[in-house]
Amino acid sequence: DVVRGPVDLQQLGNNANIAFDIDFPAAPVTIQCDP
């Protein structure tokens, strides 16, 4: 969830000439971090 937010924003804000390949696990991955 922490990574997906900024990636989605950058993907929406970029021009159509840049394609994004996203590879995230299906299950949650919990870590200790400052989101």
All heavy atoms as atom14 arrays in JSON, in Angstrom:
{
  "sequence": "DVVRGPVDLQQLGNNANIAFDIDFPAAPVTIQCDP",
  "atom14_mask": [
    [1, 1, 1, 1, 1, 1, 1, 1, 0, 0, 0, 0, 0, 0],
    [1, 1, 1, 1, 1, 1, 1, 0, 0, 0, 0, 0, 0, 0],
    [1, 1, 1, 1, 1, 1, 1, 0, 0, 0, 0, 0, 0, 0],
    [1, 1, 1, 1, 1, 1, 1, 1, 1, 1, 1, 0, 0, 0],
    [1, 1, 1, 1, 0, 0, 0, 0, 0, 0, 0, 0, 0, 0],
    [1, 1, 1, 1, 1, 1, 1, 0, 0, 0, 0, 0, 0, 0],
    [1, 1, 1, 1, 1, 1, 1, 0, 0, 0, 0, 0, 0, 0],
    [1, 1, 1, 1, 1, 1, 1, 1, 0, 0, 0, 0, 0, 0],
    [1, 1, 1, 1, 1, 1, 1, 1, 0, 0, 0, 0, 0, 0],
    [1, 1, 1, 1, 1, 1, 1, 1, 1, 0, 0, 0, 0, 0],
    [1, 1, 1, 1, 1, 1, 1, 1, 1, 0, 0, 0, 0, 0],
    [1, 1, 1, 1, 1, 1, 1, 1, 0, 0, 0, 0, 0, 0],
    [1, 1, 1, 1, 0, 0, 0, 0, 0, 0, 0, 0, 0, 0],
    [1, 1, 1, 1, 1, 1, 1, 1, 0, 0, 0, 0, 0, 0],
    [1, 1, 1, 1, 1, 1, 1, 1, 0, 0, 0, 0, 0, 0],
    [1, 1, 1, 1, 1, 0, 0, 0, 0, 0, 0, 0, 0, 0],
    [1, 1, 1, 1, 1, 1, 1, 1, 0, 0, 0, 0, 0, 0],
    [1, 1, 1, 1, 1, 1, 1, 1, 0, 0, 0, 0, 0, 0],
    [1, 1, 1, 1, 1, 0, 0, 0, 0, 0, 0, 0, 0, 0],
    [1, 1, 1, 1, 1, 1, 1, 1, 1, 1, 1, 0, 0, 0],
    [1, 1, 1, 1, 1, 1, 1, 1, 0, 0, 0, 0, 0, 0],
    [1, 1, 1, 1, 1, 1, 1, 1, 0, 0, 0, 0, 0, 0],
    [1, 1, 1, 1, 1, 1, 1, 1, 0, 0, 0, 0, 0, 0],
    [1, 1, 1, 1, 1, 1, 1, 1, 1, 1, 1, 0, 0, 0],
    [1, 1, 1, 1, 1, 1, 1, 0, 0, 0, 0, 0, 0, 0],
    [1, 1, 1, 1, 1, 0, 0, 0, 0, 0, 0, 0, 0, 0],
    [1, 1, 1, 1, 1, 0, 0, 0, 0, 0, 0, 0, 0, 0],
    [1, 1, 1, 1, 1, 1, 1, 0, 0, 0, 0, 0, 0, 0],
    [1, 1, 1, 1, 1, 1, 1, 0, 0, 0, 0, 0, 0, 0],
    [1, 1, 1, 1, 1, 1, 1, 0, 0, 0, 0, 0, 0, 0],
    [1, 1, 1, 1, 1, 1, 1, 1, 0, 0, 0, 0, 0, 0],
    [1, 1, 1, 1, 1, 1, 1, 1, 1, 0, 0, 0, 0, 0],
    [1, 1, 1, 1, 1, 1, 0, 0, 0, 0, 0, 0, 0, 0],
    [1, 1, 1, 1, 1, 1, 1, 1, 0, 0, 0, 0, 0, 0],
    [1, 1, 1, 1, 1, 1, 1, 0, 0, 0, 0, 0, 0, 0]
  ],
  "atom14_positions": [
    [[0.82, -1.2, 0.0], [0.0, 0.0, 0.0], [0.86, 1.26, 0.0], [0.53, 2.25, -0.65], [-0.93, 0.01, 1.22], [-2.02, -1.04, 1.13], [-2.31, -1.5, 0.0], [-2.57, -1.42, 2.19], [0.0, 0.0, 0.0], [0.0, 0.0, 0.0], [0.0, 0.0, 0.0], [0.0, 0.0, 0.0], [0.0, 0.0, 0.0], [0.0, 0.0, 0.0]],
    [[1.96, 1.22, 0.75], [2.84, 2.39, 0.84], [3.45, 2.71, -0.52], [3.53, 3.86, -0.93], [3.95, 2.16, 1.89], [4.92, 3.33, 1.91], [3.33, 1.97, 3.27], [0.0, 0.0, 0.0], [0.0, 0.0, 0.0], [0.0, 0.0, 0.0], [0.0, 0.0, 0.0], [0.0, 0.0, 0.0], [0.0, 0.0, 0.0], [0.0, 0.0, 0.0]],
    [[3.88, 1.68, -1.25], [4.52, 1.88, -2.55], [3.5, 2.19, -3.63], [3.74, 3.02, -4.53], [5.35, 0.64, -2.93], [5.87, 0.73, -4.36], [6.5, 0.46, -1.95], [0.0, 0.0, 0.0], [0.0, 0.0, 0.0], [0.0, 0.0, 0.0], [0.0, 0.0, 0.0], [0.0, 0.0, 0.0], [0.0, 0.0, 0.0], [0.0, 0.0, 0.0]],
    [[2.33, 1.57, -3.55], [1.35, 1.71, -4.61], [0.86, 3.16, -4.77], [0.65, 3.63, -5.89], [0.14, 0.8, -4.34], [-0.82, 0.71, -5.53], [-2.1, -0.03, -5.15], [-1.84, -1.33, -4.6], [-1.63, -2.42, -5.35], [-1.65, -2.3, -6.66], [-1.41, -3.58, -4.77], [0.0, 0.0, 0.0], [0.0, 0.0, 0.0], [0.0, 0.0, 0.0]],
    [[0.72, 3.88, -3.65], [0.2, 5.24, -3.72], [1.01, 6.15, -4.62], [0.47, 6.7, -5.61], [0.0, 0.0, 0.0], [0.0, 0.0, 0.0], [0.0, 0.0, 0.0], [0.0, 0.0, 0.0], [0.0, 0.0, 0.0], [0.0, 0.0, 0.0], [0.0, 0.0, 0.0], [0.0, 0.0, 0.0], [0.0, 0.0, 0.0], [0.0, 0.0, 0.0]],
    [[2.31, 6.37, -4.35], [3.09, 7.25, -5.22], [3.25, 6.73, -6.64], [3.34, 7.51, -7.59], [4.44, 7.35, -4.5], [4.49, 6.18, -3.59], [3.08, 5.91, -3.19], [0.0, 0.0, 0.0], [0.0, 0.0, 0.0], [0.0, 0.0, 0.0], [0.0, 0.0, 0.0], [0.0, 0.0, 0.0], [0.0, 0.0, 0.0], [0.0, 0.0, 0.0]],
    [[3.29, 5.39, -6.81], [3.42, 4.84, -8.16], [2.17, 5.17, -8.97], [2.26, 5.59, -10.14], [3.65, 3.32, -8.11], [3.54, 2.72, -9.5], [5.02, 3.02, -7.51], [0.0, 0.0, 0.0], [0.0, 0.0, 0.0], [0.0, 0.0, 0.0], [0.0, 0.0, 0.0], [0.0, 0.0, 0.0], [0.0, 0.0, 0.0], [0.0, 0.0, 0.0]],
    [[0.99, 5.01, -8.38], [-0.25, 5.33, -9.08], [-0.29, 6.81, -9.46], [-0.72, 7.17, -10.57], [-1.46, 4.97, -8.22], [-1.69, 3.47, -8.13], [-1.06, 2.73, -8.92], [-2.48, 3.03, -7.27], [0.0, 0.0, 0.0], [0.0, 0.0, 0.0], [0.0, 0.0, 0.0], [0.0, 0.0, 0.0], [0.0, 0.0, 0.0], [0.0, 0.0, 0.0]],
    [[0.13, 7.68, -8.54], [0.12, 9.12, -8.83], [1.07, 9.46, -9.97], [0.73, 10.23, -10.88], [0.49, 9.91, -7.58], [-0.57, 9.99, -6.48], [-0.02, 10.74, -5.27], [-1.82, 10.69, -7.0], [0.0, 0.0, 0.0], [0.0, 0.0, 0.0], [0.0, 0.0, 0.0], [0.0, 0.0, 0.0], [0.0, 0.0, 0.0], [0.0, 0.0, 0.0]],
    [[2.27, 8.9, -9.95], [3.23, 9.15, -11.02], [2.74, 8.58, -12.35], [2.94, 9.17, -13.41], [4.59, 8.55, -10.65], [5.28, 9.24, -9.5], [5.67, 10.67, -9.83], [6.17, 10.96, -10.91], [5.41, 11.58, -8.9], [0.0, 0.0, 0.0], [0.0, 0.0, 0.0], [0.0, 0.0, 0.0], [0.0, 0.0, 0.0], [0.0, 0.0, 0.0]],
    [[2.08, 7.45, -12.28], [1.57, 6.83, -13.5], [0.48, 7.69, -14.13], [0.44, 7.88, -15.34], [1.03, 5.43, -13.18], [0.65, 4.62, -14.41], [0.31, 3.18, -14.05], [0.3, 2.81, -12.88], [0.03, 2.37, -15.05], [0.0, 0.0, 0.0], [0.0, 0.0, 0.0], [0.0, 0.0, 0.0], [0.0, 0.0, 0.0], [0.0, 0.0, 0.0]],
    [[-0.39, 8.25, -13.29], [-1.45, 9.12, -13.81], [-0.89, 10.43, -14.34], [-1.42, 11.0, -15.31], [-2.47, 9.4, -12.7], [-3.34, 8.23, -12.26], [-4.18, 8.61, -11.05], [-4.25, 7.78, -13.41], [0.0, 0.0, 0.0], [0.0, 0.0, 0.0], [0.0, 0.0, 0.0], [0.0, 0.0, 0.0], [0.0, 0.0, 0.0], [0.0, 0.0, 0.0]],
    [[0.19, 10.93, -13.72], [0.73, 12.22, -14.12], [1.68, 12.16, -15.29], [1.99, 13.2, -15.88], [0.0, 0.0, 0.0], [0.0, 0.0, 0.0], [0.0, 0.0, 0.0], [0.0, 0.0, 0.0], [0.0, 0.0, 0.0], [0.0, 0.0, 0.0], [0.0, 0.0, 0.0], [0.0, 0.0, 0.0], [0.0, 0.0, 0.0], [0.0, 0.0, 0.0]],
    [[2.18, 10.97, -15.66], [3.13, 10.87, -16.76], [2.44, 10.88, -18.1], [1.24, 10.61, -18.22], [3.95, 9.57, -16.62], [5.2, 9.78, -15.77], [6.12, 10.48, -16.19], [5.21, 9.18, -14.6], [0.0, 0.0, 0.0], [0.0, 0.0, 0.0], [0.0, 0.0, 0.0], [0.0, 0.0, 0.0], [0.0, 0.0, 0.0], [0.0, 0.0, 0.0]],
    [[3.24, 11.19, -19.14], [2.67, 11.2, -20.48], [2.43, 9.78, -20.96], [2.93, 8.81, -20.4], [3.59, 11.96, -21.45], [4.96, 11.32, -21.54], [5.08, 10.17, -21.94], [5.99, 12.07, -21.19], [0.0, 0.0, 0.0], [0.0, 0.0, 0.0], [0.0, 0.0, 0.0], [0.0, 0.0, 0.0], [0.0, 0.0, 0.0], [0.0, 0.0, 0.0]],
    [[1.67, 9.68, -22.04], [1.25, 8.37, -22.54], [2.39, 7.57, -23.15], [2.22, 6.39, -23.45], [0.13, 8.56, -23.57], [0.0, 0.0, 0.0], [0.0, 0.0, 0.0], [0.0, 0.0, 0.0], [0.0, 0.0, 0.0], [0.0, 0.0, 0.0], [0.0, 0.0, 0.0], [0.0, 0.0, 0.0], [0.0, 0.0, 0.0], [0.0, 0.0, 0.0]],
    [[3.57, 8.18, -23.35], [4.69, 7.48, -23.96], [5.47, 6.64, -22.95], [6.47, 6.03, -23.33], [5.63, 8.48, -24.63], [4.99, 9.13, -25.85], [4.22, 8.5, -26.56], [5.31, 10.4, -26.07], [0.0, 0.0, 0.0], [0.0, 0.0, 0.0], [0.0, 0.0, 0.0], [0.0, 0.0, 0.0], [0.0, 0.0, 0.0], [0.0, 0.0, 0.0]],
    [[5.06, 6.64, -21.7], [5.74, 5.84, -20.68], [4.78, 4.77, -20.17], [3.71, 5.08, -19.68], [6.23, 6.71, -19.5], [7.2, 7.78, -19.98], [6.9, 5.83, -18.44], [7.71, 8.68, -18.88], [0.0, 0.0, 0.0], [0.0, 0.0, 0.0], [0.0, 0.0, 0.0], [0.0, 0.0, 0.0], [0.0, 0.0, 0.0], [0.0, 0.0, 0.0]],
    [[5.19, 3.52, -20.3], [4.38, 2.4, -19.82], [4.93, 1.93, -18.48], [6.15, 1.9, -18.28], [4.4, 1.26, -20.83], [0.0, 0.0, 0.0], [0.0, 0.0, 0.0], [0.0, 0.0, 0.0], [0.0, 0.0, 0.0], [0.0, 0.0, 0.0], [0.0, 0.0, 0.0], [0.0, 0.0, 0.0], [0.0, 0.0, 0.0], [0.0, 0.0, 0.0]],
    [[4.04, 1.56, -17.58], [4.43, 1.08, -16.25], [4.16, -0.41, -16.14], [3.09, -0.89, -16.53], [3.66, 1.83, -15.17], [4.23, 3.18, -14.83], [4.06, 4.25, -15.69], [4.94, 3.39, -13.65], [4.59, 5.5, -15.4], [5.47, 4.63, -13.35], [5.29, 5.69, -14.23], [0.0, 0.0, 0.0], [0.0, 0.0, 0.0], [0.0, 0.0, 0.0]],
    [[5.14, -1.14, -15.62], [5.0, -2.57, -15.34], [5.05, -2.74, -13.82], [6.1, -2.52, -13.2], [6.12, -3.36, -16.0], [6.16, -3.17, -17.51], [5.07, -3.24, -18.13], [7.25, -2.94, -18.06], [0.0, 0.0, 0.0], [0.0, 0.0, 0.0], [0.0, 0.0, 0.0], [0.0, 0.0, 0.0], [0.0, 0.0, 0.0], [0.0, 0.0, 0.0]],
    [[3.94, -3.14, -13.24], [3.82, -3.27, -11.79], [3.77, -4.75, -11.42], [2.98, -5.52, -11.98], [2.56, -2.56, -11.26], [2.49, -1.14, -11.81], [2.54, -2.57, -9.75], [3.65, -0.26, -11.44], [0.0, 0.0, 0.0], [0.0, 0.0, 0.0], [0.0, 0.0, 0.0], [0.0, 0.0, 0.0], [0.0, 0.0, 0.0], [0.0, 0.0, 0.0]],
    [[4.6, -5.16, -10.48], [4.65, -6.56, -10.03], [4.66, -6.57, -8.5], [5.72, -6.49, -7.88], [5.88, -7.25, -10.59], [5.9, -8.75, -10.27], [4.87, -9.27, -9.77], [6.95, -9.39, -10.5], [0.0, 0.0, 0.0], [0.0, 0.0, 0.0], [0.0, 0.0, 0.0], [0.0, 0.0, 0.0], [0.0, 0.0, 0.0], [0.0, 0.0, 0.0]],
    [[3.47, -6.66, -7.9], [3.33, -6.68, -6.45], [2.74, -8.02, -6.01], [1.93, -8.61, -6.72], [2.4, -5.56, -5.97], [2.93, -4.17, -6.21], [2.07, -3.07, -6.15], [4.27, -3.94, -6.47], [2.55, -1.79, -6.36], [4.75, -2.67, -6.68], [3.9, -1.59, -6.63], [0.0, 0.0, 0.0], [0.0, 0.0, 0.0], [0.0, 0.0, 0.0]],
    [[3.11, -8.5, -4.83], [2.5, -9.74, -4.31], [1.0, -9.56, -4.07], [0.53, -8.43, -3.85], [3.26, -9.98, -3.0], [4.5, -9.17, -3.1], [4.15, -7.98, -3.95], [0.0, 0.0, 0.0], [0.0, 0.0, 0.0], [0.0, 0.0, 0.0], [0.0, 0.0, 0.0], [0.0, 0.0, 0.0], [0.0, 0.0, 0.0], [0.0, 0.0, 0.0]],
    [[0.28, -10.67, -4.09], [-1.16, -10.6, -3.83], [-1.46, -10.44, -2.36], [-2.42, -9.75, -1.98], [-1.84, -11.87, -4.37], [0.0, 0.0, 0.0], [0.0, 0.0, 0.0], [0.0, 0.0, 0.0], [0.0, 0.0, 0.0], [0.0, 0.0, 0.0], [0.0, 0.0, 0.0], [0.0, 0.0, 0.0], [0.0, 0.0, 0.0], [0.0, 0.0, 0.0]],
    [[-0.64, -11.03, -1.5], [-0.86, -10.96, -0.06], [-0.13, -9.76, 0.54], [0.9, -9.32, 0.01], [-0.39, -12.24, 0.62], [0.0, 0.0, 0.0], [0.0, 0.0, 0.0], [0.0, 0.0, 0.0], [0.0, 0.0, 0.0], [0.0, 0.0, 0.0], [0.0, 0.0, 0.0], [0.0, 0.0, 0.0], [0.0, 0.0, 0.0], [0.0, 0.0, 0.0]],
    [[-0.64, -9.21, 1.64], [0.03, -8.07, 2.3], [1.44, -8.44, 2.75], [1.73, -9.59, 3.09], [-0.87, -7.78, 3.5], [-2.21, -8.34, 3.13], [-1.93, -9.54, 2.29], [0.0, 0.0, 0.0], [0.0, 0.0, 0.0], [0.0, 0.0, 0.0], [0.0, 0.0, 0.0], [0.0, 0.0, 0.0], [0.0, 0.0, 0.0], [0.0, 0.0, 0.0]],
    [[2.33, -7.44, 2.74], [3.72, -7.61, 3.18], [3.97, -6.56, 4.27], [4.12, -5.38, 3.97], [4.72, -7.44, 2.02], [6.14, -7.61, 2.53], [4.41, -8.43, 0.9], [0.0, 0.0, 0.0], [0.0, 0.0, 0.0], [0.0, 0.0, 0.0], [0.0, 0.0, 0.0], [0.0, 0.0, 0.0], [0.0, 0.0, 0.0], [0.0, 0.0, 0.0]],
    [[3.99, -6.99, 5.52], [4.06, -6.05, 6.63], [5.5, -5.82, 7.05], [6.28, -6.76, 7.21], [3.27, -6.61, 7.84], [1.92, -6.84, 7.43], [3.27, -5.6, 8.97], [0.0, 0.0, 0.0], [0.0, 0.0, 0.0], [0.0, 0.0, 0.0], [0.0, 0.0, 0.0], [0.0, 0.0, 0.0], [0.0, 0.0, 0.0], [0.0, 0.0, 0.0]],
    [[5.86, -4.52, 7.2], [7.17, -4.16, 7.71], [7.02, -2.97, 8.66], [5.98, -2.31, 8.69], [8.17, -3.79, 6.6], [7.77, -2.45, 5.94], [8.28, -4.88, 5.56], [8.86, -1.87, 5.06], [0.0, 0.0, 0.0], [0.0, 0.0, 0.0], [0.0, 0.0, 0.0], [0.0, 0.0, 0.0], [0.0, 0.0, 0.0], [0.0, 0.0, 0.0]],
    [[8.07, -2.71, 9.42], [8.13, -1.52, 10.25], [8.73, -0.39, 9.41], [9.85, -0.5, 8.92], [9.02, -1.76, 11.48], [8.38, -2.61, 12.56], [7.53, -1.78, 13.52], [7.39, -0.57, 13.34], [6.96, -2.43, 14.51], [0.0, 0.0, 0.0], [0.0, 0.0, 0.0], [0.0, 0.0, 0.0], [0.0, 0.0, 0.0], [0.0, 0.0, 0.0]],
    [[7.98, 0.71, 9.22], [8.49, 1.81, 8.42], [7.71, 3.09, 8.73], [6.67, 3.05, 9.39], [8.4, 1.5, 6.93], [6.7, 1.48, 6.26], [0.0, 0.0, 0.0], [0.0, 0.0, 0.0], [0.0, 0.0, 0.0], [0.0, 0.0, 0.0], [0.0, 0.0, 0.0], [0.0, 0.0, 0.0], [0.0, 0.0, 0.0], [0.0, 0.0, 0.0]],
    [[8.24, 4.19, 8.25], [7.53, 5.46, 8.26], [6.92, 5.61, 6.87], [7.64, 5.88, 5.9], [8.49, 6.62, 8.55], [7.79, 7.97, 8.66], [6.82, 8.2, 7.91], [8.22, 8.8, 9.48], [0.0, 0.0, 0.0], [0.0, 0.0, 0.0], [0.0, 0.0, 0.0], [0.0, 0.0, 0.0], [0.0, 0.0, 0.0], [0.0, 0.0, 0.0]],
    [[5.6, 5.44, 6.72], [5.01, 5.43, 5.38], [5.2, 6.74, 4.62], [5.35, 6.74, 3.4], [3.52, 5.15, 5.66], [3.31, 5.51, 7.09], [4.6, 5.24, 7.78], [0.0, 0.0, 0.0], [0.0, 0.0, 0.0], [0.0, 0.0, 0.0], [0.0, 0.0, 0.0], [0.0, 0.0, 0.0], [0.0, 0.0, 0.0], [0.0, 0.0, 0.0]]
  ]
}
